[in-house]
Amino acid sequence: MIKENFIPTINISSLIKNKFDTKIAIKTINKIEKACINAGFFQVVGHGIDLKEIKKTCDVGYKFFNSPENNKKKLSPKKWNKKNKNLYRGYFPNNVNGKEGLDIGDLRVDKSYSSKTKNQYIEYLNLSRSFDNQSIKILEKYFDSVFSLSESLFKSIIRLYKKNPDISQKAFSRLKTLSTLRFNYYPKQNKPVEISKEDGVALGCETHVDSGIFTVLYQDRKGGLQVQNRKTKKWHNVPFNSRALVVNTGRALQYLSKGKFKATNHRVLWNKQKRLSIPFFFEPSYDFKMNLSFLNGFRLSNKGTNYEKFLNNSLKKFIEYQR
């Protein structure tokens, strides 16, 4: 039987102002720690992002996916539009893995910075090809809001390790960050993308774990997202909460925490109705050194694999990134 109460809901309003040493903040951080260990998933309310802002962002997504194919293809990577140079950012069609997607990097990255940086993931995406100015402003605001929220969550993890939360700046530098705002649009699927080998359930998105520190997700009321209990292997629905955002741990946090906070399997059920989800993948800067001393120990070492290489290895299992 699938239970609904496996995923805790945490009010994080005490963390939004980045004051991590008050009694209520410490209590909240302890709840986050417990949720990360037990489930790897939790929902947050009191997150500081206006629900109207979230709705506007959803509307921008729906408008884009309902626009003509040639409008969407203007933003496609080279694999689907030979005229474009971008490989990583942009729109991919639903014949890839059953869903359409739009991957947007930091909207503060301009053409000059992208060409100067010469990094495969720091790509300038000219959104004005497919979006009007008002829509772009909505996307910029939401990216800023959810990035700030994600950073507050990461700082709370750093505080658990008795370290200065401000060291998060060493891991996350705007413009250098590989964080991605993604829109997933599930059209009316005629057949499932995958049949689960574990329990025979039809899936609209394959079983997987995420790559980064945290994923912060808005799922619409149609739901369908499930998370696996690591101990029992049973699957649990992530219930829709109009006031909440869903947060889950990723492989980067698992690595930095020496496996304390594990990346957790999740999947999306096959749903014959159209649905939209908006995950934000909170990913470190491309040159951040993935070193265990970041959270553990007293001295911060500058040795280790660059996050860019860590991400390369992680993305190999996703068919939409085989480019």
C-alpha atoms as a PDB file:
ATOM      1  CA  MET A   1       0.000   0.000   0.000  1.00  0.00           C
ATOM      2  CA  ILE A   2       1.259   3.514  -0.842  1.00  0.00           C
ATOM      3  CA  LYS A   3       1.199   5.952   2.062  1.00  0.00           C
ATOM      4  CA  GLU A   4       0.749   9.695   1.824  1.00  0.00           C
ATOM      5  CA  ASN A   5       2.403  10.797   5.081  1.00  0.00           C
ATOM      6  CA  PHE A   6       5.970   9.646   4.391  1.00  0.00           C
ATOM      7  CA  ILE A   7       6.958  13.129   3.168  1.00  0.00           C
ATOM      8  CA  PRO A   8       7.078  15.679   6.028  1.00  0.00           C
ATOM      9  CA  THR A   9       6.011  19.309   5.573  1.00  0.00           C
ATOM     10  CA  ILE A  10       8.332  21.858   7.199  1.00  0.00           C
ATOM     11  CA  ASN A  11       7.741  25.557   7.752  1.00  0.00           C
ATOM     12  CA  ILE A  12      11.090  27.186   6.936  1.00  0.00           C
ATOM     13  CA  SER A  13      10.102  30.831   7.471  1.00  0.00           C
ATOM     14  CA  SER A  14      12.687  31.066  10.281  1.00  0.00           C
ATOM     15  CA  LEU A  15      15.504  30.371   7.784  1.00  0.00           C
ATOM     16  CA  ILE A  16      14.524  32.765   5.008  1.00  0.00           C
ATOM     17  CA  LYS A  17      16.274  35.764   6.596  1.00  0.00           C
ATOM     18  CA  ASN A  18      19.436  33.658   6.942  1.00  0.00           C
ATOM     19  CA  LYS A  19      19.458  33.751  10.729  1.00  0.00           C
ATOM     20  CA  PHE A  20      20.416  30.203  11.600  1.00  0.00           C
ATOM     21  CA  ASP A  21      21.172  30.483  15.330  1.00  0.00           C
ATOM     22  CA  THR A  22      17.761  31.315  16.791  1.00  0.00           C
ATOM     23  CA  LYS A  23      15.973  28.571  18.728  1.00  0.00           C
ATOM     24  CA  ILE A  24      13.237  28.208  16.132  1.00  0.00           C
ATOM     25  CA  ALA A  25      15.795  28.133  13.287  1.00  0.00           C
ATOM     26  CA  ILE A  26      17.791  25.364  14.974  1.00  0.00           C
ATOM     27  CA  LYS A  27      14.586  23.408  15.538  1.00  0.00           C
ATOM     28  CA  THR A  28      13.718  23.802  11.843  1.00  0.00           C
ATOM     29  CA  ILE A  29      17.210  22.749  10.744  1.00  0.00           C
ATOM     30  CA  ASN A  30      16.922  19.613  12.863  1.00  0.00           C
ATOM     31  CA  LYS A  31      13.636  18.790  11.098  1.00  0.00           C
ATOM     32  CA  ILE A  32      15.356  19.205   7.727  1.00  0.00           C
ATOM     33  CA  GLU A  33      18.189  16.930   8.854  1.00  0.00           C
ATOM     34  CA  LYS A  34      15.731  14.237   9.934  1.00  0.00           C
ATOM     35  CA  ALA A  35      13.766  14.505   6.673  1.00  0.00           C
ATOM     36  CA  CYS A  36      16.918  14.277   4.556  1.00  0.00           C
ATOM     37  CA  ILE A  37      18.086  11.177   6.426  1.00  0.00           C
ATOM     38  CA  ASN A  38      14.750   9.359   6.628  1.00  0.00           C
ATOM     39  CA  ALA A  39      13.133  10.214   3.307  1.00  0.00           C
ATOM     40  CA  GLY A  40      15.435  12.387   1.218  1.00  0.00           C
ATOM     41  CA  PHE A  41      12.274  14.348   0.417  1.00  0.00           C
ATOM     42  CA  PHE A  42      10.273  17.002   2.229  1.00  0.00           C
ATOM     43  CA  GLN A  43       7.842  19.800   1.424  1.00  0.00           C
ATOM     44  CA  VAL A  44       8.479  23.386   2.491  1.00  0.00           C
ATOM     45  CA  VAL A  45       5.951  26.070   3.355  1.00  0.00           C
ATOM     46  CA  GLY A  46       6.801  29.558   4.580  1.00  0.00           C
ATOM     47  CA  HIS A  47       9.381  29.589   1.777  1.00  0.00           C
ATOM     48  CA  GLY A  48       8.910  33.268   0.952  1.00  0.00           C
ATOM     49  CA  ILE A  49       7.947  32.823  -2.710  1.00  0.00           C
ATOM     50  CA  ASP A  50       4.586  34.398  -3.456  1.00  0.00           C
ATOM     51  CA  LEU A  51       2.043  31.886  -4.767  1.00  0.00           C
ATOM     52  CA  LYS A  52       1.038  34.417  -7.431  1.00  0.00           C
ATOM     53  CA  GLU A  53       4.648  34.396  -8.641  1.00  0.00           C
ATOM     54  CA  ILE A  54       4.555  30.603  -8.915  1.00  0.00           C
ATOM     55  CA  LYS A  55       1.269  30.749 -10.849  1.00  0.00           C
ATOM     56  CA  LYS A  56       2.687  33.338 -13.261  1.00  0.00           C
ATOM     57  CA  THR A  57       5.706  31.097 -13.823  1.00  0.00           C
ATOM     58  CA  CYS A  58       3.417  28.125 -14.557  1.00  0.00           C
ATOM     59  CA  ASP A  59       1.412  30.253 -16.986  1.00  0.00           C
ATOM     60  CA  VAL A  60       4.619  31.172 -18.841  1.00  0.00           C
ATOM     61  CA  GLY A  61       5.462  27.471 -19.104  1.00  0.00           C
ATOM     62  CA  TYR A  62       2.025  26.440 -20.360  1.00  0.00           C
ATOM     63  CA  LYS A  63       2.004  29.258 -22.913  1.00  0.00           C
ATOM     64  CA  PHE A  64       5.401  28.167 -24.234  1.00  0.00           C
ATOM     65  CA  PHE A  65       4.544  24.463 -24.559  1.00  0.00           C
ATOM     66  CA  ASN A  66       1.225  25.296 -26.213  1.00  0.00           C
ATOM     67  CA  SER A  67       2.943  27.531 -28.768  1.00  0.00           C
ATOM     68  CA  PRO A  68       3.736  26.315 -32.325  1.00  0.00           C
ATOM     69  CA  GLU A  69       6.538  23.781 -32.729  1.00  0.00           C
ATOM     70  CA  ASN A  70       8.677  26.207 -34.718  1.00  0.00           C
ATOM     71  CA  ASN A  71       8.534  28.713 -31.838  1.00  0.00           C
ATOM     72  CA  LYS A  72       9.788  26.114 -29.353  1.00  0.00           C
ATOM     73  CA  LYS A  73      12.456  24.782 -31.708  1.00  0.00           C
ATOM     74  CA  LYS A  74      14.024  28.266 -31.857  1.00  0.00           C
ATOM     75  CA  LEU A  75      15.508  27.443 -28.441  1.00  0.00           C
ATOM     76  CA  SER A  76      16.434  23.814 -29.147  1.00  0.00           C
ATOM     77  CA  PRO A  77      20.008  22.560 -28.744  1.00  0.00           C
ATOM     78  CA  LYS A  78      21.918  21.731 -31.903  1.00  0.00           C
ATOM     79  CA  LYS A  79      20.761  18.101 -31.797  1.00  0.00           C
ATOM     80  CA  TRP A  80      17.210  19.205 -32.661  1.00  0.00           C
ATOM     81  CA  ASN A  81      17.978  22.487 -34.448  1.00  0.00           C
ATOM     82  CA  LYS A  82      21.113  22.480 -36.587  1.00  0.00           C
ATOM     83  CA  LYS A  83      21.091  26.293 -36.756  1.00  0.00           C
ATOM     84  CA  ASN A  84      21.771  26.615 -33.011  1.00  0.00           C
ATOM     85  CA  LYS A  85      25.106  26.302 -31.199  1.00  0.00           C
ATOM     86  CA  ASN A  86      23.748  25.505 -27.720  1.00  0.00           C
ATOM     87  CA  LEU A  87      24.142  21.888 -26.624  1.00  0.00           C
ATOM     88  CA  TYR A  88      22.882  21.885 -23.048  1.00  0.00           C
ATOM     89  CA  ARG A  89      20.342  24.665 -22.520  1.00  0.00           C
ATOM     90  CA  GLY A  90      17.057  24.952 -24.343  1.00  0.00           C
ATOM     91  CA  TYR A  91      14.022  22.989 -25.502  1.00  0.00           C
ATOM     92  CA  PHE A  92      13.835  19.257 -26.181  1.00  0.00           C
ATOM     93  CA  PRO A  93      10.843  17.541 -27.852  1.00  0.00           C
ATOM     94  CA  ASN A  94       8.696  14.765 -26.360  1.00  0.00           C
ATOM     95  CA  ASN A  95       9.998  12.066 -28.696  1.00  0.00           C
ATOM     96  CA  VAL A  96      13.121  11.910 -26.503  1.00  0.00           C
ATOM     97  CA  ASN A  97      11.611  10.335 -23.392  1.00  0.00           C
ATOM     98  CA  GLY A  98       7.888  11.012 -23.468  1.00  0.00           C
ATOM     99  CA  LYS A  99       7.952  14.565 -22.146  1.00  0.00           C
ATOM    100  CA  GLU A 100       8.865  17.970 -23.499  1.00  0.00           C
ATOM    101  CA  GLY A 101      11.377  20.011 -21.559  1.00  0.00           C
ATOM    102  CA  LEU A 102      12.944  23.436 -21.353  1.00  0.00           C
ATOM    103  CA  ASP A 103      16.263  23.862 -19.530  1.00  0.00           C
ATOM    104  CA  ILE A 104      17.196  27.415 -18.537  1.00  0.00           C
ATOM    105  CA  GLY A 105      20.489  28.337 -16.883  1.00  0.00           C
ATOM    106  CA  ASP A 106      21.206  31.462 -14.867  1.00  0.00           C
ATOM    107  CA  LEU A 107      19.366  34.239 -16.674  1.00  0.00           C
ATOM    108  CA  ARG A 108      22.078  36.716 -15.669  1.00  0.00           C
ATOM    109  CA  VAL A 109      24.463  35.007 -18.122  1.00  0.00           C
ATOM    110  CA  ASP A 110      24.749  37.150 -21.230  1.00  0.00           C
ATOM    111  CA  LYS A 111      26.302  36.399 -24.598  1.00  0.00           C
ATOM    112  CA  SER A 112      29.588  38.096 -23.717  1.00  0.00           C
ATOM    113  CA  TYR A 113      30.067  36.197 -20.447  1.00  0.00           C
ATOM    114  CA  SER A 114      29.168  32.889 -22.071  1.00  0.00           C
ATOM    115  CA  SER A 115      31.677  33.247 -24.918  1.00  0.00           C
ATOM    116  CA  LYS A 116      34.378  34.506 -22.539  1.00  0.00           C
ATOM    117  CA  THR A 117      33.884  31.646 -20.055  1.00  0.00           C
ATOM    118  CA  LYS A 118      34.074  28.840 -22.636  1.00  0.00           C
ATOM    119  CA  ASN A 119      32.322  26.289 -20.430  1.00  0.00           C
ATOM    120  CA  GLN A 120      30.017  23.684 -21.944  1.00  0.00           C
ATOM    121  CA  TYR A 121      27.202  24.391 -19.469  1.00  0.00           C
ATOM    122  CA  ILE A 122      27.480  28.195 -19.320  1.00  0.00           C
ATOM    123  CA  GLU A 123      25.437  28.842 -22.435  1.00  0.00           C
ATOM    124  CA  TYR A 124      23.633  32.023 -23.340  1.00  0.00           C
ATOM    125  CA  LEU A 125      20.061  31.260 -24.315  1.00  0.00           C
ATOM    126  CA  ASN A 126      18.339  34.072 -26.182  1.00  0.00           C
ATOM    127  CA  LEU A 127      14.866  33.666 -24.663  1.00  0.00           C
ATOM    128  CA  SER A 128      13.516  36.636 -26.627  1.00  0.00           C
ATOM    129  CA  ARG A 129      13.353  34.333 -29.658  1.00  0.00           C
ATOM    130  CA  SER A 130      10.388  32.528 -28.091  1.00  0.00           C
ATOM    131  CA  PHE A 131       9.216  34.650 -25.116  1.00  0.00           C
ATOM    132  CA  ASP A 132       7.951  38.209 -24.754  1.00  0.00           C
ATOM    133  CA  ASN A 133       9.683  40.619 -22.355  1.00  0.00           C
ATOM    134  CA  GLN A 134       7.101  40.228 -19.603  1.00  0.00           C
ATOM    135  CA  SER A 135       7.495  36.434 -19.608  1.00  0.00           C
ATOM    136  CA  ILE A 136      11.290  36.755 -19.441  1.00  0.00           C
ATOM    137  CA  LYS A 137      11.002  39.048 -16.412  1.00  0.00           C
ATOM    138  CA  ILE A 138       8.769  36.473 -14.696  1.00  0.00           C
ATOM    139  CA  LEU A 139      11.354  33.748 -15.386  1.00  0.00           C
ATOM    140  CA  GLU A 140      14.186  35.957 -14.107  1.00  0.00           C
ATOM    141  CA  LYS A 141      12.318  36.705 -10.891  1.00  0.00           C
ATOM    142  CA  TYR A 142      11.443  33.067 -10.245  1.00  0.00           C
ATOM    143  CA  PHE A 143      15.026  31.910 -10.890  1.00  0.00           C
ATOM    144  CA  ASP A 144      16.307  34.510  -8.402  1.00  0.00           C
ATOM    145  CA  SER A 145      13.670  33.561  -5.814  1.00  0.00           C
ATOM    146  CA  VAL A 146      14.180  29.815  -5.966  1.00  0.00           C
ATOM    147  CA  PHE A 147      17.986  30.185  -6.065  1.00  0.00           C
ATOM    148  CA  SER A 148      17.835  32.249  -2.874  1.00  0.00           C
ATOM    149  CA  LEU A 149      15.531  29.688  -1.233  1.00  0.00           C
ATOM    150  CA  SER A 150      17.856  26.833  -2.218  1.00  0.00           C
ATOM    151  CA  GLU A 151      20.852  28.672  -0.818  1.00  0.00           C
ATOM    152  CA  SER A 152      19.059  29.150   2.514  1.00  0.00           C
ATOM    153  CA  LEU A 153      18.432  25.393   2.640  1.00  0.00           C
ATOM    154  CA  PHE A 154      22.074  24.641   1.842  1.00  0.00           C
ATOM    155  CA  LYS A 155      23.259  27.109   4.479  1.00  0.00           C
ATOM    156  CA  SER A 156      21.116  25.286   7.016  1.00  0.00           C
ATOM    157  CA  ILE A 157      22.972  22.058   6.140  1.00  0.00           C
ATOM    158  CA  ILE A 158      26.319  23.859   6.556  1.00  0.00           C
ATOM    159  CA  ARG A 159      25.123  25.107   9.954  1.00  0.00           C
ATOM    160  CA  LEU A 160      24.464  21.487  10.981  1.00  0.00           C
ATOM    161  CA  TYR A 161      28.173  20.868  10.518  1.00  0.00           C
ATOM    162  CA  LYS A 162      29.004  23.790  12.845  1.00  0.00           C
ATOM    163  CA  LYS A 163      30.488  25.778   9.993  1.00  0.00           C
ATOM    164  CA  ASN A 164      29.906  29.353   8.834  1.00  0.00           C
ATOM    165  CA  PRO A 165      26.913  29.293   6.444  1.00  0.00           C
ATOM    166  CA  ASP A 166      28.601  31.966   4.325  1.00  0.00           C
ATOM    167  CA  ILE A 167      31.013  29.364   2.905  1.00  0.00           C
ATOM    168  CA  SER A 168      28.149  28.481   0.587  1.00  0.00           C
ATOM    169  CA  GLN A 169      29.527  31.303  -1.596  1.00  0.00           C
ATOM    170  CA  LYS A 170      32.561  29.113  -2.308  1.00  0.00           C
ATOM    171  CA  ALA A 171      30.285  26.465  -3.779  1.00  0.00           C
ATOM    172  CA  PHE A 172      27.731  28.726  -5.453  1.00  0.00           C
ATOM    173  CA  SER A 173      28.713  31.760  -7.455  1.00  0.00           C
ATOM    174  CA  ARG A 174      26.048  33.353  -9.613  1.00  0.00           C
ATOM    175  CA  LEU A 175      27.014  33.207 -13.293  1.00  0.00           C
ATOM    176  CA  LYS A 176      29.315  30.231 -12.572  1.00  0.00           C
ATOM    177  CA  THR A 177      26.554  28.100 -11.077  1.00  0.00           C
ATOM    178  CA  LEU A 178      25.266  25.203 -13.173  1.00  0.00           C
ATOM    179  CA  SER A 179      21.829  25.488 -11.558  1.00  0.00           C
ATOM    180  CA  THR A 180      19.000  24.795 -13.977  1.00  0.00           C
ATOM    181  CA  LEU A 181      15.398  25.926 -14.024  1.00  0.00           C
ATOM    182  CA  ARG A 182      13.533  23.245 -15.916  1.00  0.00           C
ATOM    183  CA  PHE A 183       9.989  23.002 -17.196  1.00  0.00           C
ATOM    184  CA  ASN A 184       8.736  19.441 -17.706  1.00  0.00           C
ATOM    185  CA  TYR A 185       5.585  19.193 -19.787  1.00  0.00           C
ATOM    186  CA  TYR A 186       3.919  15.813 -19.950  1.00  0.00           C
ATOM    187  CA  PRO A 187       1.590  15.675 -22.936  1.00  0.00           C
ATOM    188  CA  LYS A 188      -1.205  13.130 -23.100  1.00  0.00           C
ATOM    189  CA  GLN A 189       1.008  10.043 -23.282  1.00  0.00           C
ATOM    190  CA  ASN A 190      -0.371   7.166 -25.346  1.00  0.00           C
ATOM    191  CA  LYS A 191       1.990   4.682 -23.749  1.00  0.00           C
ATOM    192  CA  PRO A 192       4.230   4.695 -20.669  1.00  0.00           C
ATOM    193  CA  VAL A 193       7.912   5.595 -20.940  1.00  0.00           C
ATOM    194  CA  GLU A 194       8.854   2.645 -18.769  1.00  0.00           C
ATOM    195  CA  ILE A 195       7.278  -0.269 -16.921  1.00  0.00           C
ATOM    196  CA  SER A 196       8.889  -0.546 -13.485  1.00  0.00           C
ATOM    197  CA  LYS A 197      10.870  -3.746 -13.109  1.00  0.00           C
ATOM    198  CA  GLU A 198      10.226  -3.599  -9.360  1.00  0.00           C
ATOM    199  CA  ASP A 199       6.436  -3.527  -9.229  1.00  0.00           C
ATOM    200  CA  GLY A 200       5.169  -3.448 -12.830  1.00  0.00           C
ATOM    201  CA  VAL A 201       3.794   0.091 -12.528  1.00  0.00           C
ATOM    202  CA  ALA A 202       3.505   2.200 -15.701  1.00  0.00           C
ATOM    203  CA  LEU A 203       5.729   5.292 -15.539  1.00  0.00           C
ATOM    204  CA  GLY A 204       5.708   8.673 -17.255  1.00  0.00           C
ATOM    205  CA  CYS A 205       9.241   9.403 -16.019  1.00  0.00           C
ATOM    206  CA  GLU A 206      11.825   6.754 -15.246  1.00  0.00           C
ATOM    207  CA  THR A 207      13.148   5.923 -11.777  1.00  0.00           C
ATOM    208  CA  HIS A 208      16.185   8.111 -11.056  1.00  0.00           C
ATOM    209  CA  VAL A 209      18.102  10.255  -8.573  1.00  0.00           C
ATOM    210  CA  ASP A 210      19.109  13.893  -9.146  1.00  0.00           C
ATOM    211  CA  SER A 211      22.642  15.201  -9.569  1.00  0.00           C
ATOM    212  CA  GLY A 212      22.908  18.366  -7.496  1.00  0.00           C
ATOM    213  CA  ILE A 213      22.676  19.520  -3.896  1.00  0.00           C
ATOM    214  CA  PHE A 214      18.906  20.004  -3.763  1.00  0.00           C
ATOM    215  CA  THR A 215      16.054  19.948  -6.243  1.00  0.00           C
ATOM    216  CA  VAL A 216      13.229  22.371  -5.451  1.00  0.00           C
ATOM    217  CA  LEU A 217      10.081  21.397  -7.323  1.00  0.00           C
ATOM    218  CA  TYR A 218       6.656  22.784  -8.017  1.00  0.00           C
ATOM    219  CA  GLN A 219       4.306  19.982  -9.080  1.00  0.00           C
ATOM    220  CA  ASP A 220       0.799  20.733 -10.277  1.00  0.00           C
ATOM    221  CA  ARG A 221      -2.322  19.334  -8.638  1.00  0.00           C
ATOM    222  CA  LYS A 222      -2.399  16.316 -10.941  1.00  0.00           C
ATOM    223  CA  GLY A 223       0.492  14.893  -8.891  1.00  0.00           C
ATOM    224  CA  GLY A 224       2.075  11.595  -9.881  1.00  0.00           C
ATOM    225  CA  LEU A 225       5.460  12.050  -8.208  1.00  0.00           C
ATOM    226  CA  GLN A 226       6.543   9.142  -6.003  1.00  0.00           C
ATOM    227  CA  VAL A 227       9.546   8.633  -3.724  1.00  0.00           C
ATOM    228  CA  GLN A 228      11.003   5.317  -2.628  1.00  0.00           C
ATOM    229  CA  ASN A 229      11.580   4.415   1.013  1.00  0.00           C
ATOM    230  CA  ARG A 230      15.219   3.323   1.063  1.00  0.00           C
ATOM    231  CA  LYS A 231      14.619   0.788   3.854  1.00  0.00           C
ATOM    232  CA  THR A 232      11.379  -0.889   2.790  1.00  0.00           C
ATOM    233  CA  LYS A 233      11.703  -0.172  -0.978  1.00  0.00           C
ATOM    234  CA  LYS A 234       8.018   0.819  -0.965  1.00  0.00           C
ATOM    235  CA  TRP A 235       6.833   3.790  -3.005  1.00  0.00           C
ATOM    236  CA  HIS A 236       5.094   6.825  -1.460  1.00  0.00           C
ATOM    237  CA  ASN A 237       3.056   9.516  -3.179  1.00  0.00           C
ATOM    238  CA  VAL A 238       4.218  13.111  -2.809  1.00  0.00           C
ATOM    239  CA  PRO A 239       0.853  14.787  -2.174  1.00  0.00           C
ATOM    240  CA  PHE A 240       0.017  18.071  -3.872  1.00  0.00           C
ATOM    241  CA  ASN A 241       0.052  21.089  -1.562  1.00  0.00           C
ATOM    242  CA  SER A 242      -0.748  24.403  -3.246  1.00  0.00           C
ATOM    243  CA  ARG A 243       1.311  26.316  -0.647  1.00  0.00           C
ATOM    244  CA  ALA A 244       4.341  24.026  -0.721  1.00  0.00           C
ATOM    245  CA  LEU A 245       7.420  23.335  -2.778  1.00  0.00           C
ATOM    246  CA  VAL A 246       8.916  19.836  -2.821  1.00  0.00           C
ATOM    247  CA  VAL A 247      12.600  19.471  -1.927  1.00  0.00           C
ATOM    248  CA  ASN A 248      14.808  16.437  -2.467  1.00  0.00           C
ATOM    249  CA  THR A 249      18.474  15.633  -1.939  1.00  0.00           C
ATOM    250  CA  GLY A 250      20.853  14.926  -4.818  1.00  0.00           C
ATOM    251  CA  ARG A 251      24.113  13.109  -5.519  1.00  0.00           C
ATOM    252  CA  ALA A 252      26.317  16.153  -4.827  1.00  0.00           C
ATOM    253  CA  LEU A 253      24.942  16.503  -1.291  1.00  0.00           C
ATOM    254  CA  GLN A 254      25.313  12.762  -0.780  1.00  0.00           C
ATOM    255  CA  TYR A 255      28.973  13.030  -1.759  1.00  0.00           C
ATOM    256  CA  LEU A 256      29.787  16.102   0.348  1.00  0.00           C
ATOM    257  CA  SER A 257      28.022  14.622   3.401  1.00  0.00           C
ATOM    258  CA  LYS A 258      29.897  11.304   3.069  1.00  0.00           C
ATOM    259  CA  GLY A 259      26.621   9.504   2.398  1.00  0.00           C
ATOM    260  CA  LYS A 260      24.731  10.903   5.379  1.00  0.00           C
ATOM    261  CA  PHE A 261      22.184  12.613   3.117  1.00  0.00           C
ATOM    262  CA  LYS A 262      21.586  10.111   0.329  1.00  0.00           C
ATOM    263  CA  ALA A 263      20.120  10.882  -3.083  1.00  0.00           C
ATOM    264  CA  THR A 264      16.731   9.193  -3.189  1.00  0.00           C
ATOM    265  CA  ASN A 265      15.023   7.269  -5.982  1.00  0.00           C
ATOM    266  CA  HIS A 266      11.911   8.928  -7.359  1.00  0.00           C
ATOM    267  CA  ARG A 267       9.666   8.497 -10.387  1.00  0.00           C
ATOM    268  CA  VAL A 268       6.523   9.877 -12.016  1.00  0.00           C
ATOM    269  CA  LEU A 269       3.476   7.695 -12.680  1.00  0.00           C
ATOM    270  CA  TRP A 270       2.058   7.413 -16.175  1.00  0.00           C
ATOM    271  CA  ASN A 271      -0.681   9.987 -16.395  1.00  0.00           C
ATOM    272  CA  LYS A 272      -2.900  10.254 -19.460  1.00  0.00           C
ATOM    273  CA  GLN A 273      -3.661  13.887 -18.591  1.00  0.00           C
ATOM    274  CA  LYS A 274      -1.416  16.791 -19.509  1.00  0.00           C
ATOM    275  CA  ARG A 275       0.661  18.003 -16.571  1.00  0.00           C
ATOM    276  CA  LEU A 276       3.444  20.470 -15.810  1.00  0.00           C
ATOM    277  CA  SER A 277       6.206  20.358 -13.230  1.00  0.00           C
ATOM    278  CA  ILE A 278       8.923  22.932 -12.570  1.00  0.00           C
ATOM    279  CA  PRO A 279      12.035  21.525 -10.904  1.00  0.00           C
ATOM    280  CA  PHE A 280      14.957  23.772 -10.003  1.00  0.00           C
ATOM    281  CA  PHE A 281      18.224  21.856  -9.874  1.00  0.00           C
ATOM    282  CA  PHE A 282      20.482  23.627  -7.373  1.00  0.00           C
ATOM    283  CA  GLU A 283      23.929  22.856  -8.781  1.00  0.00           C
ATOM    284  CA  PRO A 284      27.307  24.252  -7.636  1.00  0.00           C
ATOM    285  CA  SER A 285      29.643  26.385  -9.725  1.00  0.00           C
ATOM    286  CA  TYR A 286      31.355  24.501 -12.545  1.00  0.00           C
ATOM    287  CA  ASP A 287      34.804  24.975 -10.941  1.00  0.00           C
ATOM    288  CA  PHE A 288      33.772  24.122  -7.358  1.00  0.00           C
ATOM    289  CA  LYS A 289      36.082  21.450  -5.975  1.00  0.00           C
ATOM    290  CA  MET A 290      34.062  18.463  -4.798  1.00  0.00           C
ATOM    291  CA  ASN A 291      36.087  17.847  -1.640  1.00  0.00           C
ATOM    292  CA  LEU A 292      34.893  16.115   1.536  1.00  0.00           C
ATOM    293  CA  SER A 293      36.549  18.825   3.639  1.00  0.00           C
ATOM    294  CA  PHE A 294      33.848  21.305   2.584  1.00  0.00           C
ATOM    295  CA  LEU A 295      31.435  20.031   5.251  1.00  0.00           C
ATOM    296  CA  ASN A 296      33.798  17.789   7.216  1.00  0.00           C
ATOM    297  CA  GLY A 297      36.955  18.812   9.072  1.00  0.00           C
ATOM    298  CA  PHE A 298      38.448  22.174   9.939  1.00  0.00           C
ATOM    299  CA  ARG A 299      40.496  23.089   6.882  1.00  0.00           C
ATOM    300  CA  LEU A 300      38.822  23.717   3.558  1.00  0.00           C
ATOM    301  CA  SER A 301      40.876  22.028   0.841  1.00  0.00           C
ATOM    302  CA  ASN A 302      40.947  23.261  -2.734  1.00  0.00           C
ATOM    303  CA  LYS A 303      41.600  19.801  -4.141  1.00  0.00           C
ATOM    304  CA  GLY A 304      39.119  17.448  -5.742  1.00  0.00           C
ATOM    305  CA  THR A 305      37.130  16.937  -8.932  1.00  0.00           C
ATOM    306  CA  ASN A 306      35.490  20.002 -10.460  1.00  0.00           C
ATOM    307  CA  TYR A 307      31.714  19.896 -10.172  1.00  0.00           C
ATOM    308  CA  GLU A 308      31.502  20.097 -13.971  1.00  0.00           C
ATOM    309  CA  LYS A 309      33.116  16.643 -14.272  1.00  0.00           C
ATOM    310  CA  PHE A 310      30.943  15.308 -11.448  1.00  0.00           C
ATOM    311  CA  LEU A 311      27.852  16.486 -13.355  1.00  0.00           C
ATOM    312  CA  ASN A 312      29.105  15.019 -16.651  1.00  0.00           C
ATOM    313  CA  ASN A 313      29.225  11.563 -15.097  1.00  0.00           C
ATOM    314  CA  SER A 314      25.828  11.994 -13.468  1.00  0.00           C
ATOM    315  CA  LEU A 315      24.028  13.058 -16.660  1.00  0.00           C
ATOM    316  CA  LYS A 316      25.185  10.063 -18.716  1.00  0.00           C
ATOM    317  CA  LYS A 317      22.207   8.005 -17.533  1.00  0.00           C
ATOM    318  CA  PHE A 318      19.613  10.535 -18.807  1.00  0.00           C
ATOM    319  CA  ILE A 319      18.593   9.959 -22.410  1.00  0.00           C
ATOM    320  CA  GLU A 320      17.691  13.627 -22.958  1.00  0.00           C
ATOM    321  CA  TYR A 321      21.337  14.612 -22.297  1.00  0.00           C
ATOM    322  CA  GLN A 322      22.866  12.152 -24.749  1.00  0.00           C
ATOM    323  CA  ARG A 323      23.888  14.853 -27.187  1.00  0.00           C
END
